[in-house]
Amino acid sequence: MSLTAFLNELLTGGRVRVAVAGDIADSDRLEAEQILADFERQYRLDLPGEPPPLSAPAAVWAATMLCEACRFVAFRDLGQEAMGVLVQRPNLSADPPSLHYSVDLTFRFLPDVIKQAQTASGQDPLVEHLLQLARQWPLSSVGVAGVADVNVDAVVGHPCLLRMYADRIIATRDWTRLIAPRVREAVQCAVGLFPELAPGFPAEEST
């Protein structure tokens, strides 16, 4: 299955099919880049504020990684050596907020992939590979258990990303992400006078 077909299914229905063969042609990547650019132009219109610029290389890299991750979840016998692609650090050059935003176009589905991998086998090396990705991209991994100690500087430093982050924390009730003071403040501001929107929101202890 091509990367473009994977993206078309992911971005329109949220469910995908993958093939055991993982090679992606350059022409397929170029078409995938256009699909992501077209999708992002509409996606940004519904976001809280003005998001960072799109980094096409980062968006294509993340789409490729997610496609590979789904392939390893579907075909559990591919082996640890093949999974090494998931831990290769990308050579991406763009402002950090732009990188996190662009990666999130597809990595916002990463928690679902991790959940499926853990359901099959929590001790599988694939799970740890996916958790490493979750730690590197905190905006996309809200709600994933065991991924609380993350660097959120690039997220909290951009108003739109911070609001997205706070909204996801509230939606998933992932209160482990409240360690950073600016994150807690943003969540508290979003909850405002309606605490029923965030049942279980931990009150800040007084000293």
C-alpha atoms as a PDB file:
ATOM      1  CA  MET A   1       0.000   0.000   0.000  1.00  0.00           C
ATOM      2  CA  SER A   2       1.346   3.447  -0.908  1.00  0.00           C
ATOM      3  CA  LEU A   3       1.919   6.308   1.510  1.00  0.00           C
ATOM      4  CA  THR A   4      -0.601   8.401  -0.409  1.00  0.00           C
ATOM      5  CA  ALA A   5      -3.278   5.725  -0.079  1.00  0.00           C
ATOM      6  CA  PHE A   6      -2.459   5.425   3.627  1.00  0.00           C
ATOM      7  CA  LEU A   7      -2.865   9.186   4.091  1.00  0.00           C
ATOM      8  CA  ASN A   8      -6.090   9.353   2.125  1.00  0.00           C
ATOM      9  CA  GLU A   9      -7.635   6.715   4.383  1.00  0.00           C
ATOM     10  CA  LEU A  10      -6.169   8.165   7.583  1.00  0.00           C
ATOM     11  CA  LEU A  11      -7.199  11.766   6.990  1.00  0.00           C
ATOM     12  CA  THR A  12     -10.685  10.999   5.722  1.00  0.00           C
ATOM     13  CA  GLY A  13     -11.792   8.097   7.905  1.00  0.00           C
ATOM     14  CA  GLY A  14      -9.180   7.492  10.603  1.00  0.00           C
ATOM     15  CA  ARG A  15      -8.878   3.800   9.679  1.00  0.00           C
ATOM     16  CA  VAL A  16      -6.096   2.440   7.483  1.00  0.00           C
ATOM     17  CA  ARG A  17      -4.848  -0.634   5.712  1.00  0.00           C
ATOM     18  CA  VAL A  18      -1.151  -1.430   5.350  1.00  0.00           C
ATOM     19  CA  ALA A  19       0.921  -3.861   3.313  1.00  0.00           C
ATOM     20  CA  VAL A  20       3.818  -5.973   4.542  1.00  0.00           C
ATOM     21  CA  ALA A  21       6.178  -4.319   2.021  1.00  0.00           C
ATOM     22  CA  GLY A  22       7.387  -0.990   3.370  1.00  0.00           C
ATOM     23  CA  ASP A  23       9.355   0.632   0.533  1.00  0.00           C
ATOM     24  CA  ILE A  24       8.107   4.122  -0.377  1.00  0.00           C
ATOM     25  CA  ALA A  25       9.032   5.619  -3.757  1.00  0.00           C
ATOM     26  CA  ASP A  26      10.153   9.237  -4.107  1.00  0.00           C
ATOM     27  CA  SER A  27       7.168   9.962  -6.339  1.00  0.00           C
ATOM     28  CA  ASP A  28       4.882   8.610  -3.615  1.00  0.00           C
ATOM     29  CA  ARG A  29       6.490  10.954  -1.047  1.00  0.00           C
ATOM     30  CA  LEU A  30       5.992  13.943  -3.325  1.00  0.00           C
ATOM     31  CA  GLU A  31       2.325  13.113  -3.783  1.00  0.00           C
ATOM     32  CA  ALA A  32       1.988  12.574  -0.034  1.00  0.00           C
ATOM     33  CA  GLU A  33       3.481  16.024   0.551  1.00  0.00           C
ATOM     34  CA  GLN A  34       0.785  17.565  -1.614  1.00  0.00           C
ATOM     35  CA  ILE A  35      -1.954  15.651   0.185  1.00  0.00           C
ATOM     36  CA  LEU A  36      -0.677  16.896   3.537  1.00  0.00           C
ATOM     37  CA  ALA A  37      -0.400  20.486   2.291  1.00  0.00           C
ATOM     38  CA  ASP A  38      -3.952  20.430   0.942  1.00  0.00           C
ATOM     39  CA  PHE A  39      -5.260  18.923   4.175  1.00  0.00           C
ATOM     40  CA  GLU A  40      -3.379  21.415   6.355  1.00  0.00           C
ATOM     41  CA  ARG A  41      -4.832  24.430   4.564  1.00  0.00           C
ATOM     42  CA  GLN A  42      -8.292  23.393   5.721  1.00  0.00           C
ATOM     43  CA  TYR A  43      -7.230  21.930   9.067  1.00  0.00           C
ATOM     44  CA  ARG A  44      -5.694  25.192  10.313  1.00  0.00           C
ATOM     45  CA  LEU A  45      -8.982  27.034   9.851  1.00  0.00           C
ATOM     46  CA  ASP A  46     -10.517  25.176  12.798  1.00  0.00           C
ATOM     47  CA  LEU A  47      -7.618  25.649  15.213  1.00  0.00           C
ATOM     48  CA  PRO A  48      -7.640  28.020  18.203  1.00  0.00           C
ATOM     49  CA  GLY A  49      -5.622  30.899  16.817  1.00  0.00           C
ATOM     50  CA  GLU A  50      -2.924  31.070  14.169  1.00  0.00           C
ATOM     51  CA  PRO A  51      -0.808  27.894  14.015  1.00  0.00           C
ATOM     52  CA  PRO A  52       2.856  27.871  12.974  1.00  0.00           C
ATOM     53  CA  PRO A  53       3.809  27.498   9.313  1.00  0.00           C
ATOM     54  CA  LEU A  54       3.746  24.023   7.837  1.00  0.00           C
ATOM     55  CA  SER A  55       7.070  22.228   7.485  1.00  0.00           C
ATOM     56  CA  ALA A  56       6.493  19.838   4.602  1.00  0.00           C
ATOM     57  CA  PRO A  57       9.548  17.629   5.337  1.00  0.00           C
ATOM     58  CA  ALA A  58       8.455  17.199   8.948  1.00  0.00           C
ATOM     59  CA  ALA A  59       4.889  16.376   7.933  1.00  0.00           C
ATOM     60  CA  VAL A  60       6.024  13.768   5.385  1.00  0.00           C
ATOM     61  CA  TRP A  61       8.509  12.250   7.851  1.00  0.00           C
ATOM     62  CA  ALA A  62       5.804  11.855  10.507  1.00  0.00           C
ATOM     63  CA  ALA A  63       3.363  10.367   8.007  1.00  0.00           C
ATOM     64  CA  THR A  64       6.018   7.861   6.968  1.00  0.00           C
ATOM     65  CA  MET A  65       6.775   6.934  10.591  1.00  0.00           C
ATOM     66  CA  LEU A  66       3.098   6.474  11.394  1.00  0.00           C
ATOM     67  CA  CYS A  67       2.643   4.299   8.324  1.00  0.00           C
ATOM     68  CA  GLU A  68       5.626   2.186   9.395  1.00  0.00           C
ATOM     69  CA  ALA A  69       4.288   1.946  12.948  1.00  0.00           C
ATOM     70  CA  CYS A  70       0.926   0.701  11.677  1.00  0.00           C
ATOM     71  CA  ARG A  71       2.742  -1.829   9.508  1.00  0.00           C
ATOM     72  CA  PHE A  72       4.621  -3.219  12.525  1.00  0.00           C
ATOM     73  CA  VAL A  73       1.415  -3.407  14.550  1.00  0.00           C
ATOM     74  CA  ALA A  74      -0.287  -5.334  11.750  1.00  0.00           C
ATOM     75  CA  PHE A  75       2.648  -7.624  10.968  1.00  0.00           C
ATOM     76  CA  ARG A  76       4.180  -8.517  14.335  1.00  0.00           C
ATOM     77  CA  ASP A  77       6.762 -10.909  12.878  1.00  0.00           C
ATOM     78  CA  LEU A  78       8.758  -8.313  10.919  1.00  0.00           C
ATOM     79  CA  GLY A  79      11.448  -8.292  13.593  1.00  0.00           C
ATOM     80  CA  GLN A  80      13.347  -5.808  15.742  1.00  0.00           C
ATOM     81  CA  GLU A  81      15.907  -4.962  13.072  1.00  0.00           C
ATOM     82  CA  ALA A  82      13.214  -3.632  10.750  1.00  0.00           C
ATOM     83  CA  MET A  83      11.760  -1.586  13.607  1.00  0.00           C
ATOM     84  CA  GLY A  84      14.994   0.371  13.815  1.00  0.00           C
ATOM     85  CA  VAL A  85      13.527   2.858  11.351  1.00  0.00           C
ATOM     86  CA  LEU A  86      11.289   4.127  14.156  1.00  0.00           C
ATOM     87  CA  VAL A  87      14.215   5.282  16.299  1.00  0.00           C
ATOM     88  CA  GLN A  88      16.216   7.064  13.596  1.00  0.00           C
ATOM     89  CA  ARG A  89      16.387  10.750  14.500  1.00  0.00           C
ATOM     90  CA  PRO A  90      15.131  12.892  11.613  1.00  0.00           C
ATOM     91  CA  ASN A  91      17.292  15.647  10.151  1.00  0.00           C
ATOM     92  CA  LEU A  92      14.608  18.335  10.135  1.00  0.00           C
ATOM     93  CA  SER A  93      15.347  22.055  10.014  1.00  0.00           C
ATOM     94  CA  ALA A  94      12.534  24.408  10.995  1.00  0.00           C
ATOM     95  CA  ASP A  95      11.414  26.397  14.007  1.00  0.00           C
ATOM     96  CA  PRO A  96      10.470  23.969  16.830  1.00  0.00           C
ATOM     97  CA  PRO A  97       6.799  25.058  16.955  1.00  0.00           C
ATOM     98  CA  SER A  98       6.532  24.462  13.215  1.00  0.00           C
ATOM     99  CA  LEU A  99       8.071  21.003  13.601  1.00  0.00           C
ATOM    100  CA  HIS A 100       5.694  19.986  16.389  1.00  0.00           C
ATOM    101  CA  TYR A 101       2.665  21.321  14.521  1.00  0.00           C
ATOM    102  CA  SER A 102       3.609  19.660  11.224  1.00  0.00           C
ATOM    103  CA  VAL A 103       4.402  16.310  12.812  1.00  0.00           C
ATOM    104  CA  ASP A 104       1.108  16.441  14.698  1.00  0.00           C
ATOM    105  CA  LEU A 105      -0.930  16.411  11.488  1.00  0.00           C
ATOM    106  CA  THR A 106      -0.563  12.637  11.553  1.00  0.00           C
ATOM    107  CA  PHE A 107       1.057  11.896  14.918  1.00  0.00           C
ATOM    108  CA  ARG A 108      -2.158  12.934  16.698  1.00  0.00           C
ATOM    109  CA  PHE A 109      -3.176   9.379  15.791  1.00  0.00           C
ATOM    110  CA  LEU A 110      -0.100   7.966  17.572  1.00  0.00           C
ATOM    111  CA  PRO A 111      -1.936   7.287  20.885  1.00  0.00           C
ATOM    112  CA  ASP A 112      -4.347   4.991  19.046  1.00  0.00           C
ATOM    113  CA  VAL A 113      -1.461   3.095  17.442  1.00  0.00           C
ATOM    114  CA  ILE A 114       0.275   2.733  20.811  1.00  0.00           C
ATOM    115  CA  LYS A 115      -2.915   1.425  22.384  1.00  0.00           C
ATOM    116  CA  GLN A 116      -3.246  -1.235  19.680  1.00  0.00           C
ATOM    117  CA  ALA A 117       0.404  -2.234  20.096  1.00  0.00           C
ATOM    118  CA  GLN A 118       0.025  -2.519  23.880  1.00  0.00           C
ATOM    119  CA  THR A 119      -3.141  -4.580  23.518  1.00  0.00           C
ATOM    120  CA  ALA A 120      -1.253  -7.141  21.458  1.00  0.00           C
ATOM    121  CA  SER A 121       1.748  -7.275  23.798  1.00  0.00           C
ATOM    122  CA  GLY A 122       2.870  -4.735  26.361  1.00  0.00           C
ATOM    123  CA  GLN A 123       6.375  -6.258  26.421  1.00  0.00           C
ATOM    124  CA  ASP A 124       6.918  -6.009  22.666  1.00  0.00           C
ATOM    125  CA  PRO A 125       9.954  -3.867  21.677  1.00  0.00           C
ATOM    126  CA  LEU A 126       7.618  -2.070  19.284  1.00  0.00           C
ATOM    127  CA  VAL A 127       5.799  -0.525  22.255  1.00  0.00           C
ATOM    128  CA  GLU A 128       9.005   1.033  23.601  1.00  0.00           C
ATOM    129  CA  HIS A 129       9.901   2.388  20.146  1.00  0.00           C
ATOM    130  CA  LEU A 130       6.491   4.035  19.928  1.00  0.00           C
ATOM    131  CA  LEU A 131       6.768   5.423  23.453  1.00  0.00           C
ATOM    132  CA  GLN A 132      10.072   7.024  22.503  1.00  0.00           C
ATOM    133  CA  LEU A 133       8.311   8.812  19.660  1.00  0.00           C
ATOM    134  CA  ALA A 134       5.574   9.839  22.096  1.00  0.00           C
ATOM    135  CA  ARG A 135       8.144  11.394  24.430  1.00  0.00           C
ATOM    136  CA  GLN A 136       9.783  13.309  21.592  1.00  0.00           C
ATOM    137  CA  TRP A 137       6.481  14.788  20.370  1.00  0.00           C
ATOM    138  CA  PRO A 138       4.426  15.742  23.447  1.00  0.00           C
ATOM    139  CA  LEU A 139       1.702  17.648  21.600  1.00  0.00           C
ATOM    140  CA  SER A 140       0.757  14.441  19.803  1.00  0.00           C
ATOM    141  CA  SER A 141       1.012  12.025  22.715  1.00  0.00           C
ATOM    142  CA  VAL A 142      -1.385  13.492  25.286  1.00  0.00           C
ATOM    143  CA  GLY A 143      -3.249  10.661  26.964  1.00  0.00           C
ATOM    144  CA  VAL A 144      -0.497   8.075  26.546  1.00  0.00           C
ATOM    145  CA  ALA A 145       0.314   6.528  29.923  1.00  0.00           C
ATOM    146  CA  GLY A 146       3.904   6.767  31.094  1.00  0.00           C
ATOM    147  CA  VAL A 147       4.778   9.802  28.970  1.00  0.00           C
ATOM    148  CA  ALA A 148       4.565  12.607  31.510  1.00  0.00           C
ATOM    149  CA  ASP A 149       8.190  13.776  31.754  1.00  0.00           C
ATOM    150  CA  VAL A 150       8.485  15.550  28.404  1.00  0.00           C
ATOM    151  CA  ASN A 151      10.005  18.771  27.102  1.00  0.00           C
ATOM    152  CA  VAL A 152       7.106  21.046  26.191  1.00  0.00           C
ATOM    153  CA  ASP A 153       9.059  24.276  25.604  1.00  0.00           C
ATOM    154  CA  ALA A 154       8.240  24.400  21.887  1.00  0.00           C
ATOM    155  CA  VAL A 155       4.565  23.820  22.621  1.00  0.00           C
ATOM    156  CA  VAL A 156       4.031  26.243  25.493  1.00  0.00           C
ATOM    157  CA  GLY A 157       5.992  28.918  23.656  1.00  0.00           C
ATOM    158  CA  HIS A 158       3.380  29.164  20.898  1.00  0.00           C
ATOM    159  CA  PRO A 159      -0.150  30.380  21.804  1.00  0.00           C
ATOM    160  CA  CYS A 160      -2.012  28.163  19.345  1.00  0.00           C
ATOM    161  CA  LEU A 161      -0.074  25.010  20.231  1.00  0.00           C
ATOM    162  CA  LEU A 162      -0.493  25.703  23.945  1.00  0.00           C
ATOM    163  CA  ARG A 163      -4.263  25.958  23.551  1.00  0.00           C
ATOM    164  CA  MET A 164      -4.319  22.746  21.507  1.00  0.00           C
ATOM    165  CA  TYR A 165      -2.238  21.051  24.200  1.00  0.00           C
ATOM    166  CA  ALA A 166      -4.497  22.269  27.013  1.00  0.00           C
ATOM    167  CA  ASP A 167      -7.637  21.179  25.157  1.00  0.00           C
ATOM    168  CA  ARG A 168      -6.231  17.685  24.656  1.00  0.00           C
ATOM    169  CA  ILE A 169      -5.225  17.400  28.294  1.00  0.00           C
ATOM    170  CA  ILE A 170      -8.782  18.257  29.315  1.00  0.00           C
ATOM    171  CA  ALA A 171     -10.312  15.901  26.742  1.00  0.00           C
ATOM    172  CA  THR A 172      -8.161  12.938  27.839  1.00  0.00           C
ATOM    173  CA  ARG A 173      -7.928  13.970  31.529  1.00  0.00           C
ATOM    174  CA  ASP A 174      -4.188  13.431  31.308  1.00  0.00           C
ATOM    175  CA  TRP A 175      -3.379  15.408  34.451  1.00  0.00           C
ATOM    176  CA  THR A 176       0.184  14.070  34.439  1.00  0.00           C
ATOM    177  CA  ARG A 177       0.922  16.789  31.882  1.00  0.00           C
ATOM    178  CA  LEU A 178       0.283  19.563  34.424  1.00  0.00           C
ATOM    179  CA  ILE A 179       3.853  19.524  35.739  1.00  0.00           C
ATOM    180  CA  ALA A 180       4.854  22.577  33.696  1.00  0.00           C
ATOM    181  CA  PRO A 181       3.406  25.723  35.339  1.00  0.00           C
ATOM    182  CA  ARG A 182       2.407  27.320  32.010  1.00  0.00           C
ATOM    183  CA  VAL A 183       0.549  24.174  31.028  1.00  0.00           C
ATOM    184  CA  ARG A 184      -1.365  24.072  34.317  1.00  0.00           C
ATOM    185  CA  GLU A 185      -2.192  27.756  33.938  1.00  0.00           C
ATOM    186  CA  ALA A 186      -3.471  27.207  30.388  1.00  0.00           C
ATOM    187  CA  VAL A 187      -5.633  24.267  31.460  1.00  0.00           C
ATOM    188  CA  GLN A 188      -6.970  26.221  34.424  1.00  0.00           C
ATOM    189  CA  CYS A 189      -7.791  29.133  32.111  1.00  0.00           C
ATOM    190  CA  ALA A 190      -9.564  26.801  29.678  1.00  0.00           C
ATOM    191  CA  VAL A 191     -11.619  25.257  32.471  1.00  0.00           C
ATOM    192  CA  GLY A 192     -12.443  28.698  33.873  1.00  0.00           C
ATOM    193  CA  LEU A 193     -15.754  28.872  35.676  1.00  0.00           C
ATOM    194  CA  PHE A 194     -16.889  25.510  34.347  1.00  0.00           C
ATOM    195  CA  PRO A 195     -15.021  22.828  36.333  1.00  0.00           C
ATOM    196  CA  GLU A 196     -17.566  20.274  35.180  1.00  0.00           C
ATOM    197  CA  LEU A 197     -15.721  20.356  31.848  1.00  0.00           C
ATOM    198  CA  ALA A 198     -12.718  18.784  33.567  1.00  0.00           C
ATOM    199  CA  PRO A 199     -13.871  16.354  36.267  1.00  0.00           C
ATOM    200  CA  GLY A 200     -10.928  15.241  38.349  1.00  0.00           C
ATOM    201  CA  PHE A 201      -8.838  18.317  37.597  1.00  0.00           C
ATOM    202  CA  PRO A 202      -6.387  18.393  40.520  1.00  0.00           C
ATOM    203  CA  ALA A 203      -6.500  21.570  42.554  1.00  0.00           C
ATOM    204  CA  GLU A 204      -3.159  23.238  43.121  1.00  0.00           C
ATOM    205  CA  GLU A 205      -1.946  22.674  46.643  1.00  0.00           C
ATOM    206  CA  SER A 206      -1.461  25.761  48.773  1.00  0.00           C
ATOM    207  CA  THR A 207       1.718  26.271  50.758  1.00  0.00           C
END
